């Protein structure tokens, strides 16, 4: 069965404070979705990412390895987490992506995973 990465992008500066009721409600919405996707047998894994301030980017050019603090590319939205799902087809993967809470404030990119030989 095909697998898809559902990549959740949002403006991390607009994320509610973790001590707020809004953050807890958002967290609970993600937990509910995880439970529903598990019950449907499509969820392989899902995880949030730490803020971009915790990221390190590595670039190798020839024999030189460069390291920089922060994300690979500065953008107005950041990759905040992912879902790895196994669905019969892309239409179902798109339907699950539309249910991700971050889709209502940011975007969810759906990427098919290429299976190796």
C-alpha atoms as a PDB file:
ATOM      1  CA  UNK A   1       0.000   0.000   0.000  1.00  0.00           C
ATOM      2  CA  UNK A   2       1.376   3.473  -0.839  1.00  0.00           C
ATOM      3  CA  UNK A   3       2.860   5.590   1.929  1.00  0.00           C
ATOM      4  CA  UNK A   4       2.676   9.371   2.162  1.00  0.00           C
ATOM      5  CA  UNK A   5       4.390  12.031   4.268  1.00  0.00           C
ATOM      6  CA  UNK A   6       1.992  14.734   5.417  1.00  0.00           C
ATOM      7  CA  UNK A   7       4.260  17.684   6.212  1.00  0.00           C
ATOM      8  CA  UNK A   8       2.715  20.316   8.476  1.00  0.00           C
ATOM      9  CA  UNK A   9       3.809  23.925   7.870  1.00  0.00           C
ATOM     10  CA  UNK A  10       2.773  26.911   9.953  1.00  0.00           C
ATOM     11  CA  UNK A  11       4.074  30.206  11.310  1.00  0.00           C
ATOM     12  CA  UNK A  12       5.728  29.128  14.546  1.00  0.00           C
ATOM     13  CA  UNK A  13       5.568  32.694  15.875  1.00  0.00           C
ATOM     14  CA  UNK A  14       1.760  32.410  15.812  1.00  0.00           C
ATOM     15  CA  UNK A  15       1.677  29.172  17.837  1.00  0.00           C
ATOM     16  CA  UNK A  16      -0.113  29.598  21.169  1.00  0.00           C
ATOM     17  CA  UNK A  17       1.986  29.698  24.328  1.00  0.00           C
ATOM     18  CA  UNK A  18       2.393  26.147  25.736  1.00  0.00           C
ATOM     19  CA  UNK A  19       0.932  27.314  29.072  1.00  0.00           C
ATOM     20  CA  UNK A  20      -2.270  28.578  27.439  1.00  0.00           C
ATOM     21  CA  UNK A  21      -5.627  26.835  27.092  1.00  0.00           C
ATOM     22  CA  UNK A  22      -5.406  27.438  23.322  1.00  0.00           C
ATOM     23  CA  UNK A  23      -2.215  25.374  23.106  1.00  0.00           C
ATOM     24  CA  UNK A  24      -3.789  22.564  25.104  1.00  0.00           C
ATOM     25  CA  UNK A  25      -6.843  22.559  22.833  1.00  0.00           C
ATOM     26  CA  UNK A  26      -4.568  22.389  19.771  1.00  0.00           C
ATOM     27  CA  UNK A  27      -2.546  19.543  21.324  1.00  0.00           C
ATOM     28  CA  UNK A  28      -5.742  17.647  22.137  1.00  0.00           C
ATOM     29  CA  UNK A  29      -6.941  18.072  18.522  1.00  0.00           C
ATOM     30  CA  UNK A  30      -3.712  16.484  17.264  1.00  0.00           C
ATOM     31  CA  UNK A  31      -4.019  13.633  19.781  1.00  0.00           C
ATOM     32  CA  UNK A  32      -7.606  12.959  18.638  1.00  0.00           C
ATOM     33  CA  UNK A  33      -6.497  12.869  15.010  1.00  0.00           C
ATOM     34  CA  UNK A  34      -3.669  10.464  15.886  1.00  0.00           C
ATOM     35  CA  UNK A  35      -6.125   8.175  17.652  1.00  0.00           C
ATOM     36  CA  UNK A  36      -8.559   8.256  14.708  1.00  0.00           C
ATOM     37  CA  UNK A  37      -5.797   7.582  12.171  1.00  0.00           C
ATOM     38  CA  UNK A  38      -4.490   4.684  14.281  1.00  0.00           C
ATOM     39  CA  UNK A  39      -7.991   3.227  14.585  1.00  0.00           C
ATOM     40  CA  UNK A  40      -8.396   3.493  10.795  1.00  0.00           C
ATOM     41  CA  UNK A  41      -5.109   1.622  10.340  1.00  0.00           C
ATOM     42  CA  UNK A  42      -3.403   4.363   8.304  1.00  0.00           C
ATOM     43  CA  UNK A  43      -1.042   6.011  10.814  1.00  0.00           C
ATOM     44  CA  UNK A  44       2.541   4.769  10.847  1.00  0.00           C
ATOM     45  CA  UNK A  45       4.020   7.670  12.837  1.00  0.00           C
ATOM     46  CA  UNK A  46       3.509  11.335  13.658  1.00  0.00           C
ATOM     47  CA  UNK A  47       5.671  13.762  15.588  1.00  0.00           C
ATOM     48  CA  UNK A  48       5.983  17.495  16.140  1.00  0.00           C
ATOM     49  CA  UNK A  49       9.343  19.202  15.608  1.00  0.00           C
ATOM     50  CA  UNK A  50      11.150  21.526  17.991  1.00  0.00           C
ATOM     51  CA  UNK A  51      11.197  25.202  16.937  1.00  0.00           C
ATOM     52  CA  UNK A  52      13.532  26.238  14.115  1.00  0.00           C
ATOM     53  CA  UNK A  53      15.764  27.893  16.720  1.00  0.00           C
ATOM     54  CA  UNK A  54      16.788  24.353  17.733  1.00  0.00           C
ATOM     55  CA  UNK A  55      17.678  23.336  14.150  1.00  0.00           C
ATOM     56  CA  UNK A  56      21.155  22.926  12.680  1.00  0.00           C
ATOM     57  CA  UNK A  57      21.709  22.855   8.922  1.00  0.00           C
ATOM     58  CA  UNK A  58      24.588  20.924   7.337  1.00  0.00           C
ATOM     59  CA  UNK A  59      25.796  21.510   3.783  1.00  0.00           C
ATOM     60  CA  UNK A  60      28.588  19.516   2.138  1.00  0.00           C
ATOM     61  CA  UNK A  61      30.298  21.115  -0.858  1.00  0.00           C
ATOM     62  CA  UNK A  62      33.152  19.064  -2.202  1.00  0.00           C
ATOM     63  CA  UNK A  63      35.429  18.281   0.729  1.00  0.00           C
ATOM     64  CA  UNK A  64      34.028  21.084   2.910  1.00  0.00           C
ATOM     65  CA  UNK A  65      31.252  20.616   5.431  1.00  0.00           C
ATOM     66  CA  UNK A  66      29.452  23.714   6.576  1.00  0.00           C
ATOM     67  CA  UNK A  67      27.255  23.983   9.642  1.00  0.00           C
ATOM     68  CA  UNK A  68      24.814  26.767  10.460  1.00  0.00           C
ATOM     69  CA  UNK A  69      22.296  27.321  13.227  1.00  0.00           C
ATOM     70  CA  UNK A  70      18.690  27.419  12.131  1.00  0.00           C
ATOM     71  CA  UNK A  71      16.560  26.007   9.338  1.00  0.00           C
ATOM     72  CA  UNK A  72      17.838  25.289   5.831  1.00  0.00           C
ATOM     73  CA  UNK A  73      15.856  28.153   4.288  1.00  0.00           C
ATOM     74  CA  UNK A  74      14.273  31.179   5.948  1.00  0.00           C
ATOM     75  CA  UNK A  75      10.539  31.250   5.248  1.00  0.00           C
ATOM     76  CA  UNK A  76       7.362  32.708   6.686  1.00  0.00           C
ATOM     77  CA  UNK A  77       6.153  29.199   7.540  1.00  0.00           C
ATOM     78  CA  UNK A  78       8.150  26.474   9.208  1.00  0.00           C
ATOM     79  CA  UNK A  79       8.024  22.696   9.048  1.00  0.00           C
ATOM     80  CA  UNK A  80       6.439  21.928  12.395  1.00  0.00           C
ATOM     81  CA  UNK A  81       5.848  18.199  12.211  1.00  0.00           C
ATOM     82  CA  UNK A  82       4.799  15.269  10.111  1.00  0.00           C
ATOM     83  CA  UNK A  83       2.443  12.355   9.719  1.00  0.00           C
ATOM     84  CA  UNK A  84       3.538   9.185   7.973  1.00  0.00           C
ATOM     85  CA  UNK A  85       0.480   7.378   6.661  1.00  0.00           C
ATOM     86  CA  UNK A  86      -0.240   4.341   4.561  1.00  0.00           C
ATOM     87  CA  UNK A  87      -3.346   4.792   2.425  1.00  0.00           C
ATOM     88  CA  UNK A  88      -4.862   2.937  -0.511  1.00  0.00           C
ATOM     89  CA  UNK A  89      -4.458   6.015  -2.725  1.00  0.00           C
ATOM     90  CA  UNK A  90      -3.534   9.683  -2.797  1.00  0.00           C
ATOM     91  CA  UNK A  91      -7.175  10.766  -2.435  1.00  0.00           C
ATOM     92  CA  UNK A  92      -7.363   9.202   1.015  1.00  0.00           C
ATOM     93  CA  UNK A  93      -3.987  10.716   1.992  1.00  0.00           C
ATOM     94  CA  UNK A  94      -5.314  14.130   0.941  1.00  0.00           C
ATOM     95  CA  UNK A  95      -8.444  13.602   3.026  1.00  0.00           C
ATOM     96  CA  UNK A  96      -6.342  12.811   6.109  1.00  0.00           C
ATOM     97  CA  UNK A  97      -4.127  15.840   5.417  1.00  0.00           C
ATOM     98  CA  UNK A  98      -7.199  18.091   5.371  1.00  0.00           C
ATOM     99  CA  UNK A  99      -8.066  16.886   8.896  1.00  0.00           C
ATOM    100  CA  UNK A 100      -4.709  17.970  10.378  1.00  0.00           C
ATOM    101  CA  UNK A 101      -5.323  21.004  12.629  1.00  0.00           C
ATOM    102  CA  UNK A 102      -2.401  22.904  11.080  1.00  0.00           C
ATOM    103  CA  UNK A 103      -4.135  22.841   7.688  1.00  0.00           C
ATOM    104  CA  UNK A 104      -6.567  25.469   8.987  1.00  0.00           C
ATOM    105  CA  UNK A 105      -3.845  27.991   9.892  1.00  0.00           C
ATOM    106  CA  UNK A 106      -0.917  26.960   7.695  1.00  0.00           C
ATOM    107  CA  UNK A 107      -0.510  24.249   5.084  1.00  0.00           C
ATOM    108  CA  UNK A 108      -0.033  20.503   4.822  1.00  0.00           C
ATOM    109  CA  UNK A 109       2.125  19.217   1.989  1.00  0.00           C
ATOM    110  CA  UNK A 110       1.342  15.671   0.868  1.00  0.00           C
ATOM    111  CA  UNK A 111       4.369  13.825  -0.540  1.00  0.00           C
ATOM    112  CA  UNK A 112       4.252  10.281  -1.858  1.00  0.00           C
ATOM    113  CA  UNK A 113       7.132   8.149  -0.622  1.00  0.00           C
ATOM    114  CA  UNK A 114       9.137   6.396  -3.304  1.00  0.00           C
ATOM    115  CA  UNK A 115       9.631   2.751  -2.507  1.00  0.00           C
ATOM    116  CA  UNK A 116      13.082   1.445  -3.349  1.00  0.00           C
ATOM    117  CA  UNK A 117      13.752  -1.717  -5.305  1.00  0.00           C
END
